[in-house]
Amino acid sequence: MATPDDISWWRGRLSNRTPPTATTSVRAPRERAQSSGAGAFLALADDGRQYWVKVPGNEQGNQVLVNEVIVGELGRLLDAPVRERVLVTIPAAITGWAEFPIPSSARPLLAHGSLHLPNAIDADELRHTRRGQNTERQAALVGLWDLCVGEDPQWLYETSAADAVWSYDHGLWFTTGEGDWDEGVLAKLLDVVATLPNIPRAIDKPRLRAMAADIRGLTPEALLSMMSAVPVEWGTDDRDLEAMAWFLFRRRGPVADRLERRADDRSDRQPTGRAS
């Protein structure tokens, strides 16, 4: 009899899922990101907040939006510092904006929004580890990165809150250069050891252990719920989403083991390197 360790167990588990819908709508675009392969842009939404929006059909492909949902949902469940995410409707009239990243559309679009952080400083390395709660926040990011085979590290530092670190722009995770994932790619990535580059020595070891316990405790029900948060409009087949749930379920034990070993390491040396 199949168990959740077998991919066959996951087949059809999403067949009756309720597709998610947008919770807000773009009221006005503000500006394009200076460097974004997906053409992200800042927009004011009907809920009064501003989001960095990625649209389907962008040059990096729709799967970068799917990755944003999955990593964002995992980060929320594991209490890792990822920016709040929403699904946002873009009215057809907005797609006529001169800087809109794809050709204008006659119909509304369902897009992904990442909550804007005003006056933030972005960097590609972990800094300010000993400030505020960053030693715990960065420990959580070490676990999230390994679980999701992180790529292209991008961090925001909240200057008004002791430089609290946030993770954002997860479009290229689950890759290591493999391109868009599917069941076959995920099978190749299953045993990858994804070590976050240049892990600071001061990260909090109790938080590493807590993160290990939370990752080890991920249930099939929780993972399937995350996959259900991905809109059908973006074109990722339910079969591939079921494979992603299986992938994360299978990785949770080895990732938790690695976090526990790091927490138990009494040496000053911290391993570094890219996912391999």
C-alpha atoms as a PDB file:
ATOM      1  CA  MET A   1       0.000   0.000   0.000  1.00  0.00           C
ATOM      2  CA  ALA A   2       1.366   3.413  -1.002  1.00  0.00           C
ATOM      3  CA  THR A   3       2.499   5.881   1.647  1.00  0.00           C
ATOM      4  CA  PRO A   4       3.199   9.639   1.376  1.00  0.00           C
ATOM      5  CA  ASP A   5       6.843   8.781   0.646  1.00  0.00           C
ATOM      6  CA  ASP A   6       5.633   7.379  -2.686  1.00  0.00           C
ATOM      7  CA  ILE A   7       4.635   9.850  -5.355  1.00  0.00           C
ATOM      8  CA  SER A   8       1.723   7.613  -6.334  1.00  0.00           C
ATOM      9  CA  TRP A   9       0.081   8.383  -2.970  1.00  0.00           C
ATOM     10  CA  TRP A  10      -0.263  12.047  -3.986  1.00  0.00           C
ATOM     11  CA  ARG A  11      -1.968  11.445  -7.326  1.00  0.00           C
ATOM     12  CA  GLY A  12      -5.422  13.000  -7.536  1.00  0.00           C
ATOM     13  CA  ARG A  13      -5.179  14.680  -4.130  1.00  0.00           C
ATOM     14  CA  LEU A  14      -5.820  18.093  -5.697  1.00  0.00           C
ATOM     15  CA  SER A  15      -8.578  16.978  -8.046  1.00  0.00           C
ATOM     16  CA  ASN A  16     -11.336  18.603  -5.997  1.00  0.00           C
ATOM     17  CA  ARG A  17      -9.504  21.700  -4.842  1.00  0.00           C
ATOM     18  CA  THR A  18     -11.226  25.076  -4.818  1.00  0.00           C
ATOM     19  CA  PRO A  19      -9.231  27.527  -6.974  1.00  0.00           C
ATOM     20  CA  PRO A  20      -8.097  30.631  -5.091  1.00  0.00           C
ATOM     21  CA  THR A  21      -9.294  34.105  -6.008  1.00  0.00           C
ATOM     22  CA  ALA A  22      -7.845  37.591  -5.710  1.00  0.00           C
ATOM     23  CA  THR A  23      -8.281  39.474  -2.459  1.00  0.00           C
ATOM     24  CA  THR A  24      -7.606  42.941  -3.864  1.00  0.00           C
ATOM     25  CA  SER A  25      -7.266  44.788  -7.160  1.00  0.00           C
ATOM     26  CA  VAL A  26      -4.695  47.156  -8.613  1.00  0.00           C
ATOM     27  CA  ARG A  27      -5.905  50.729  -8.445  1.00  0.00           C
ATOM     28  CA  ALA A  28      -2.878  52.449  -9.973  1.00  0.00           C
ATOM     29  CA  PRO A  29       0.611  51.391 -11.107  1.00  0.00           C
ATOM     30  CA  ARG A  30       3.497  53.389  -9.652  1.00  0.00           C
ATOM     31  CA  GLU A  31       6.821  52.326 -11.150  1.00  0.00           C
ATOM     32  CA  ARG A  32       8.679  49.428 -12.726  1.00  0.00           C
ATOM     33  CA  ALA A  33      11.408  47.709 -10.721  1.00  0.00           C
ATOM     34  CA  GLN A  34      14.847  48.850 -11.841  1.00  0.00           C
ATOM     35  CA  SER A  35      16.080  45.294 -12.355  1.00  0.00           C
ATOM     36  CA  SER A  36      13.495  42.541 -12.601  1.00  0.00           C
ATOM     37  CA  GLY A  37      13.549  39.806 -15.199  1.00  0.00           C
ATOM     38  CA  ALA A  38       9.849  39.272 -14.533  1.00  0.00           C
ATOM     39  CA  GLY A  39       9.031  42.972 -15.023  1.00  0.00           C
ATOM     40  CA  ALA A  40       7.724  43.463 -11.477  1.00  0.00           C
ATOM     41  CA  PHE A  41       6.115  46.833 -10.792  1.00  0.00           C
ATOM     42  CA  LEU A  42       4.947  48.704  -7.724  1.00  0.00           C
ATOM     43  CA  ALA A  43       1.196  49.299  -7.552  1.00  0.00           C
ATOM     44  CA  LEU A  44      -1.367  50.792  -5.201  1.00  0.00           C
ATOM     45  CA  ALA A  45      -4.203  48.339  -4.517  1.00  0.00           C
ATOM     46  CA  ASP A  46      -7.795  48.767  -3.450  1.00  0.00           C
ATOM     47  CA  ASP A  47      -6.934  47.667   0.084  1.00  0.00           C
ATOM     48  CA  GLY A  48      -4.844  50.827   0.437  1.00  0.00           C
ATOM     49  CA  ARG A  49      -1.505  49.014   0.435  1.00  0.00           C
ATOM     50  CA  GLN A  50       1.261  48.877  -2.123  1.00  0.00           C
ATOM     51  CA  TYR A  51       2.554  45.650  -3.670  1.00  0.00           C
ATOM     52  CA  TRP A  52       5.269  44.580  -6.055  1.00  0.00           C
ATOM     53  CA  VAL A  53       3.272  42.841  -8.751  1.00  0.00           C
ATOM     54  CA  LYS A  54       4.315  40.057 -11.114  1.00  0.00           C
ATOM     55  CA  VAL A  55       1.969  39.224 -13.970  1.00  0.00           C
ATOM     56  CA  PRO A  56       1.396  36.029 -15.948  1.00  0.00           C
ATOM     57  CA  GLY A  57       3.033  36.076 -19.361  1.00  0.00           C
ATOM     58  CA  ASN A  58       6.163  37.842 -18.079  1.00  0.00           C
ATOM     59  CA  GLU A  59       9.539  37.091 -19.658  1.00  0.00           C
ATOM     60  CA  GLN A  60      10.579  34.675 -16.908  1.00  0.00           C
ATOM     61  CA  GLY A  61       7.427  32.599 -17.311  1.00  0.00           C
ATOM     62  CA  ASN A  62       4.413  31.878 -15.161  1.00  0.00           C
ATOM     63  CA  GLN A  63       6.203  29.460 -12.889  1.00  0.00           C
ATOM     64  CA  VAL A  64       7.989  32.307 -11.123  1.00  0.00           C
ATOM     65  CA  LEU A  65       4.548  33.310  -9.820  1.00  0.00           C
ATOM     66  CA  VAL A  66       3.878  29.735  -8.699  1.00  0.00           C
ATOM     67  CA  ASN A  67       7.193  29.720  -6.821  1.00  0.00           C
ATOM     68  CA  GLU A  68       6.261  32.969  -5.088  1.00  0.00           C
ATOM     69  CA  VAL A  69       3.073  31.364  -3.784  1.00  0.00           C
ATOM     70  CA  ILE A  70       4.716  28.150  -2.590  1.00  0.00           C
ATOM     71  CA  VAL A  71       7.679  29.779  -0.848  1.00  0.00           C
ATOM     72  CA  GLY A  72       5.438  32.477   0.602  1.00  0.00           C
ATOM     73  CA  GLU A  73       2.994  29.940   2.007  1.00  0.00           C
ATOM     74  CA  LEU A  74       5.805  27.810   3.436  1.00  0.00           C
ATOM     75  CA  GLY A  75       7.409  30.867   4.981  1.00  0.00           C
ATOM     76  CA  ARG A  76       4.132  31.852   6.618  1.00  0.00           C
ATOM     77  CA  LEU A  77       3.571  28.368   8.026  1.00  0.00           C
ATOM     78  CA  LEU A  78       7.163  28.059   9.286  1.00  0.00           C
ATOM     79  CA  ASP A  79       7.206  31.619  10.679  1.00  0.00           C
ATOM     80  CA  ALA A  80      10.104  32.609   8.445  1.00  0.00           C
ATOM     81  CA  PRO A  81      10.509  36.294   7.530  1.00  0.00           C
ATOM     82  CA  VAL A  82       9.032  36.379   4.027  1.00  0.00           C
ATOM     83  CA  ARG A  83       7.035  39.311   2.743  1.00  0.00           C
ATOM     84  CA  GLU A  84       3.261  38.993   2.913  1.00  0.00           C
ATOM     85  CA  ARG A  85       1.780  37.862  -0.386  1.00  0.00           C
ATOM     86  CA  VAL A  86      -1.625  38.256  -2.054  1.00  0.00           C
ATOM     87  CA  LEU A  87      -3.384  37.463  -5.295  1.00  0.00           C
ATOM     88  CA  VAL A  88      -4.346  40.648  -7.063  1.00  0.00           C
ATOM     89  CA  THR A  89      -6.614  41.421 -10.006  1.00  0.00           C
ATOM     90  CA  ILE A  90      -5.282  43.774 -12.656  1.00  0.00           C
ATOM     91  CA  PRO A  91      -8.149  45.503 -14.502  1.00  0.00           C
ATOM     92  CA  ALA A  92      -7.842  45.485 -18.274  1.00  0.00           C
ATOM     93  CA  ALA A  93      -7.490  49.281 -18.342  1.00  0.00           C
ATOM     94  CA  ILE A  94      -4.331  49.079 -16.206  1.00  0.00           C
ATOM     95  CA  THR A  95      -2.642  46.810 -18.763  1.00  0.00           C
ATOM     96  CA  GLY A  96      -2.509  49.772 -21.123  1.00  0.00           C
ATOM     97  CA  TRP A  97       0.011  51.538 -18.851  1.00  0.00           C
ATOM     98  CA  ALA A  98       3.089  52.467 -20.885  1.00  0.00           C
ATOM     99  CA  GLU A  99       5.430  50.487 -18.603  1.00  0.00           C
ATOM    100  CA  PHE A 100       3.238  47.414 -18.251  1.00  0.00           C
ATOM    101  CA  PRO A 101       5.533  44.386 -18.658  1.00  0.00           C
ATOM    102  CA  ILE A 102       3.432  42.499 -21.235  1.00  0.00           C
ATOM    103  CA  PRO A 103       1.152  43.533 -24.104  1.00  0.00           C
ATOM    104  CA  SER A 104      -2.159  45.045 -23.052  1.00  0.00           C
ATOM    105  CA  SER A 105      -5.029  42.666 -22.353  1.00  0.00           C
ATOM    106  CA  ALA A 106      -8.722  42.921 -23.121  1.00  0.00           C
ATOM    107  CA  ARG A 107      -9.493  40.990 -19.935  1.00  0.00           C
ATOM    108  CA  PRO A 108      -8.457  41.355 -16.283  1.00  0.00           C
ATOM    109  CA  LEU A 109      -5.379  39.416 -15.192  1.00  0.00           C
ATOM    110  CA  LEU A 110      -4.785  37.469 -11.998  1.00  0.00           C
ATOM    111  CA  ALA A 111      -1.326  38.368 -10.691  1.00  0.00           C
ATOM    112  CA  HIS A 112       0.893  37.943  -7.636  1.00  0.00           C
ATOM    113  CA  GLY A 113       1.597  40.759  -5.190  1.00  0.00           C
ATOM    114  CA  SER A 114       4.353  41.018  -2.586  1.00  0.00           C
ATOM    115  CA  LEU A 115       3.795  43.629   0.118  1.00  0.00           C
ATOM    116  CA  HIS A 116       6.010  46.681  -0.351  1.00  0.00           C
ATOM    117  CA  LEU A 117       8.458  47.591   2.419  1.00  0.00           C
ATOM    118  CA  PRO A 118       9.090  51.367   2.434  1.00  0.00           C
ATOM    119  CA  ASN A 119      12.606  52.700   2.962  1.00  0.00           C
ATOM    120  CA  ALA A 120      14.149  49.245   2.796  1.00  0.00           C
ATOM    121  CA  ILE A 121      17.692  48.448   1.728  1.00  0.00           C
ATOM    122  CA  ASP A 122      18.188  45.375  -0.416  1.00  0.00           C
ATOM    123  CA  ALA A 123      21.274  43.147  -0.498  1.00  0.00           C
ATOM    124  CA  ASP A 124      22.308  39.691  -1.661  1.00  0.00           C
ATOM    125  CA  GLU A 125      24.033  38.698   1.580  1.00  0.00           C
ATOM    126  CA  LEU A 126      22.912  38.285   5.180  1.00  0.00           C
ATOM    127  CA  ARG A 127      23.955  41.300   7.267  1.00  0.00           C
ATOM    128  CA  HIS A 128      23.233  42.869  10.669  1.00  0.00           C
ATOM    129  CA  THR A 129      22.898  39.410  12.218  1.00  0.00           C
ATOM    130  CA  ARG A 130      23.286  40.659  15.789  1.00  0.00           C
ATOM    131  CA  ARG A 131      20.752  43.483  15.393  1.00  0.00           C
ATOM    132  CA  GLY A 132      17.238  43.072  16.739  1.00  0.00           C
ATOM    133  CA  GLN A 133      15.866  39.587  16.102  1.00  0.00           C
ATOM    134  CA  ASN A 134      17.979  38.931  13.031  1.00  0.00           C
ATOM    135  CA  THR A 135      19.900  36.057  14.562  1.00  0.00           C
ATOM    136  CA  GLU A 136      16.600  34.125  14.796  1.00  0.00           C
ATOM    137  CA  ARG A 137      15.198  35.459  11.520  1.00  0.00           C
ATOM    138  CA  GLN A 138      18.284  34.448   9.589  1.00  0.00           C
ATOM    139  CA  ALA A 139      18.270  30.980  11.167  1.00  0.00           C
ATOM    140  CA  ALA A 140      14.756  30.519   9.792  1.00  0.00           C
ATOM    141  CA  LEU A 141      15.918  31.594   6.346  1.00  0.00           C
ATOM    142  CA  VAL A 142      18.678  28.967   6.402  1.00  0.00           C
ATOM    143  CA  GLY A 143      16.014  26.271   6.783  1.00  0.00           C
ATOM    144  CA  LEU A 144      13.599  27.722   4.227  1.00  0.00           C
ATOM    145  CA  TRP A 145      16.400  28.075   1.678  1.00  0.00           C
ATOM    146  CA  ASP A 146      17.496  24.453   2.009  1.00  0.00           C
ATOM    147  CA  LEU A 147      13.962  23.069   1.926  1.00  0.00           C
ATOM    148  CA  CYS A 148      13.082  25.035  -1.223  1.00  0.00           C
ATOM    149  CA  VAL A 149      16.438  24.693  -3.009  1.00  0.00           C
ATOM    150  CA  GLY A 150      16.949  28.437  -2.884  1.00  0.00           C
ATOM    151  CA  GLU A 151      18.558  30.401  -5.683  1.00  0.00           C
ATOM    152  CA  ASP A 152      19.365  34.088  -6.257  1.00  0.00           C
ATOM    153  CA  PRO A 153      19.454  35.317  -2.619  1.00  0.00           C
ATOM    154  CA  GLN A 154      17.631  38.626  -2.185  1.00  0.00           C
ATOM    155  CA  TRP A 155      17.104  40.175   1.217  1.00  0.00           C
ATOM    156  CA  LEU A 156      15.445  43.371   2.389  1.00  0.00           C
ATOM    157  CA  TYR A 157      16.540  45.224   5.532  1.00  0.00           C
ATOM    158  CA  GLU A 158      13.839  47.225   7.298  1.00  0.00           C
ATOM    159  CA  THR A 159      15.679  50.387   8.314  1.00  0.00           C
ATOM    160  CA  SER A 160      12.887  51.506  10.639  1.00  0.00           C
ATOM    161  CA  ALA A 161      12.966  48.214  12.610  1.00  0.00           C
ATOM    162  CA  ALA A 162      16.606  47.573  13.565  1.00  0.00           C
ATOM    163  CA  ASP A 163      17.383  46.385  10.024  1.00  0.00           C
ATOM    164  CA  ALA A 164      15.085  43.375  10.350  1.00  0.00           C
ATOM    165  CA  VAL A 165      15.767  41.033   7.453  1.00  0.00           C
ATOM    166  CA  TRP A 166      13.083  39.860   5.025  1.00  0.00           C
ATOM    167  CA  SER A 167      13.228  37.428   2.135  1.00  0.00           C
ATOM    168  CA  TYR A 168      11.619  38.422  -1.157  1.00  0.00           C
ATOM    169  CA  ASP A 169      11.589  37.563  -4.876  1.00  0.00           C
ATOM    170  CA  HIS A 170      11.469  33.763  -4.809  1.00  0.00           C
ATOM    171  CA  GLY A 171      10.764  33.288  -8.501  1.00  0.00           C
ATOM    172  CA  LEU A 172      13.941  31.323  -9.240  1.00  0.00           C
ATOM    173  CA  TRP A 173      13.849  28.945  -6.263  1.00  0.00           C
ATOM    174  CA  PHE A 174      13.450  25.190  -6.925  1.00  0.00           C
ATOM    175  CA  THR A 175      15.869  25.385  -9.829  1.00  0.00           C
ATOM    176  CA  THR A 176      19.726  25.294  -9.536  1.00  0.00           C
ATOM    177  CA  GLY A 177      19.723  26.031 -13.247  1.00  0.00           C
ATOM    178  CA  GLU A 178      17.252  23.307 -14.213  1.00  0.00           C
ATOM    179  CA  GLY A 179      14.686  25.814 -15.493  1.00  0.00           C
ATOM    180  CA  ASP A 180      10.964  25.281 -14.937  1.00  0.00           C
ATOM    181  CA  TRP A 181      10.301  22.341 -12.662  1.00  0.00           C
ATOM    182  CA  ASP A 182       8.035  19.415 -13.261  1.00  0.00           C
ATOM    183  CA  GLU A 183       7.885  15.922 -11.806  1.00  0.00           C
ATOM    184  CA  GLY A 184      11.109  14.911 -13.567  1.00  0.00           C
ATOM    185  CA  VAL A 185      13.099  17.957 -12.479  1.00  0.00           C
ATOM    186  CA  LEU A 186      11.884  17.630  -8.893  1.00  0.00           C
ATOM    187  CA  ALA A 187      13.040  14.010  -8.830  1.00  0.00           C
ATOM    188  CA  LYS A 188      16.528  15.218  -9.834  1.00  0.00           C
ATOM    189  CA  LEU A 189      16.509  17.872  -7.112  1.00  0.00           C
ATOM    190  CA  LEU A 190      15.187  15.610  -4.378  1.00  0.00           C
ATOM    191  CA  ASP A 191      18.547  14.950  -2.687  1.00  0.00           C
ATOM    192  CA  VAL A 192      20.195  18.315  -3.366  1.00  0.00           C
ATOM    193  CA  VAL A 193      21.947  19.823  -0.337  1.00  0.00           C
ATOM    194  CA  ALA A 194      21.068  23.506  -0.728  1.00  0.00           C
ATOM    195  CA  THR A 195      23.422  25.332   1.621  1.00  0.00           C
ATOM    196  CA  LEU A 196      22.783  29.054   1.860  1.00  0.00           C
ATOM    197  CA  PRO A 197      25.985  30.894   0.891  1.00  0.00           C
ATOM    198  CA  ASN A 198      27.975  32.645   3.632  1.00  0.00           C
ATOM    199  CA  ILE A 199      25.885  31.719   6.648  1.00  0.00           C
ATOM    200  CA  PRO A 200      26.771  34.068   9.544  1.00  0.00           C
ATOM    201  CA  ARG A 201      28.325  32.471  12.611  1.00  0.00           C
ATOM    202  CA  ALA A 202      25.939  34.271  14.960  1.00  0.00           C
ATOM    203  CA  ILE A 203      22.700  32.687  13.742  1.00  0.00           C
ATOM    204  CA  ASP A 204      20.581  31.398  16.599  1.00  0.00           C
ATOM    205  CA  LYS A 205      21.055  27.658  17.223  1.00  0.00           C
ATOM    206  CA  PRO A 206      17.831  27.168  19.225  1.00  0.00           C
ATOM    207  CA  ARG A 207      15.947  28.703  16.290  1.00  0.00           C
ATOM    208  CA  LEU A 208      17.686  26.265  13.934  1.00  0.00           C
ATOM    209  CA  ARG A 209      16.437  23.397  16.104  1.00  0.00           C
ATOM    210  CA  ALA A 210      12.923  24.842  16.206  1.00  0.00           C
ATOM    211  CA  MET A 211      12.958  25.287  12.446  1.00  0.00           C
ATOM    212  CA  ALA A 212      14.105  21.678  12.070  1.00  0.00           C
ATOM    213  CA  ALA A 213      11.187  20.496  14.201  1.00  0.00           C
ATOM    214  CA  ASP A 214       8.678  22.582  12.247  1.00  0.00           C
ATOM    215  CA  ILE A 215       9.983  21.351   8.893  1.00  0.00           C
ATOM    216  CA  ARG A 216      10.009  17.744  10.080  1.00  0.00           C
ATOM    217  CA  GLY A 217       6.411  18.220  11.192  1.00  0.00           C
ATOM    218  CA  LEU A 218       5.075  19.330   7.797  1.00  0.00           C
ATOM    219  CA  THR A 219       2.044  17.177   7.028  1.00  0.00           C
ATOM    220  CA  PRO A 220       0.600  16.099   3.678  1.00  0.00           C
ATOM    221  CA  GLU A 221      -2.526  18.095   4.490  1.00  0.00           C
ATOM    222  CA  ALA A 222      -0.533  21.294   5.048  1.00  0.00           C
ATOM    223  CA  LEU A 223       1.490  20.817   1.864  1.00  0.00           C
ATOM    224  CA  LEU A 224      -1.581  20.124  -0.248  1.00  0.00           C
ATOM    225  CA  SER A 225      -3.228  23.230   1.190  1.00  0.00           C
ATOM    226  CA  MET A 226      -0.226  25.261   0.019  1.00  0.00           C
ATOM    227  CA  MET A 227      -0.498  23.818  -3.478  1.00  0.00           C
ATOM    228  CA  SER A 228      -4.192  24.702  -3.521  1.00  0.00           C
ATOM    229  CA  ALA A 229      -3.180  28.358  -3.137  1.00  0.00           C
ATOM    230  CA  VAL A 230      -1.748  28.344  -6.689  1.00  0.00           C
ATOM    231  CA  PRO A 231      -4.203  29.745  -9.270  1.00  0.00           C
ATOM    232  CA  VAL A 232      -5.197  27.413 -12.091  1.00  0.00           C
ATOM    233  CA  GLU A 233      -4.934  30.400 -14.460  1.00  0.00           C
ATOM    234  CA  TRP A 234      -1.132  30.251 -14.312  1.00  0.00           C
ATOM    235  CA  GLY A 235      -1.044  26.897 -16.050  1.00  0.00           C
ATOM    236  CA  THR A 236       0.867  24.626 -13.650  1.00  0.00           C
ATOM    237  CA  ASP A 237      -0.843  21.253 -13.848  1.00  0.00           C
ATOM    238  CA  ASP A 238      -2.258  19.730 -10.664  1.00  0.00           C
ATOM    239  CA  ARG A 239      -0.097  16.678 -11.322  1.00  0.00           C
ATOM    240  CA  ASP A 240       3.019  18.849 -11.044  1.00  0.00           C
ATOM    241  CA  LEU A 241       1.684  20.560  -7.920  1.00  0.00           C
ATOM    242  CA  GLU A 242       1.093  17.154  -6.359  1.00  0.00           C
ATOM    243  CA  ALA A 243       4.675  16.277  -7.281  1.00  0.00           C
ATOM    244  CA  MET A 244       5.863  19.449  -5.549  1.00  0.00           C
ATOM    245  CA  ALA A 245       3.974  18.492  -2.384  1.00  0.00           C
ATOM    246  CA  TRP A 246       5.630  15.051  -2.512  1.00  0.00           C
ATOM    247  CA  PHE A 247       9.027  16.689  -3.106  1.00  0.00           C
ATOM    248  CA  LEU A 248       8.731  18.906  -0.039  1.00  0.00           C
ATOM    249  CA  PHE A 249       7.429  16.025   2.072  1.00  0.00           C
ATOM    250  CA  ARG A 250      10.393  13.853   1.085  1.00  0.00           C
ATOM    251  CA  ARG A 251      12.924  16.654   1.690  1.00  0.00           C
ATOM    252  CA  ARG A 252      11.661  17.603   5.122  1.00  0.00           C
ATOM    253  CA  GLY A 253      13.540  14.886   7.037  1.00  0.00           C
ATOM    254  CA  PRO A 254      16.991  15.380   5.454  1.00  0.00           C
ATOM    255  CA  VAL A 255      16.690  19.172   5.714  1.00  0.00           C
ATOM    256  CA  ALA A 256      15.705  18.922   9.378  1.00  0.00           C
ATOM    257  CA  ASP A 257      18.680  16.619   9.995  1.00  0.00           C
ATOM    258  CA  ARG A 258      21.049  19.159   8.436  1.00  0.00           C
ATOM    259  CA  LEU A 259      19.647  21.982  10.543  1.00  0.00           C
ATOM    260  CA  GLU A 260      20.047  19.932  13.707  1.00  0.00           C
ATOM    261  CA  ARG A 261      23.655  19.094  12.838  1.00  0.00           C
ATOM    262  CA  ARG A 262      24.371  22.764  12.257  1.00  0.00           C
ATOM    263  CA  ALA A 263      22.780  23.639  15.585  1.00  0.00           C
ATOM    264  CA  ASP A 264      24.924  21.010  17.326  1.00  0.00           C
ATOM    265  CA  ASP A 265      28.139  22.145  15.649  1.00  0.00           C
ATOM    266  CA  ARG A 266      30.372  23.624  18.383  1.00  0.00           C
ATOM    267  CA  SER A 267      33.068  24.842  16.030  1.00  0.00           C
ATOM    268  CA  ASP A 268      33.416  28.415  14.859  1.00  0.00           C
ATOM    269  CA  ARG A 269      33.590  27.337  11.249  1.00  0.00           C
ATOM    270  CA  GLN A 270      30.378  27.638   9.289  1.00  0.00           C
ATOM    271  CA  PRO A 271      30.148  25.865   5.904  1.00  0.00           C
ATOM    272  CA  THR A 272      29.317  27.986   2.924  1.00  0.00           C
ATOM    273  CA  GLY A 273      28.540  27.386  -0.723  1.00  0.00           C
ATOM    274  CA  ARG A 274      25.848  27.249  -3.333  1.00  0.00           C
ATOM    275  CA  ALA A 275      23.286  24.544  -3.839  1.00  0.00           C
ATOM    276  CA  SER A 276      24.922  21.550  -5.440  1.00  0.00           C
END
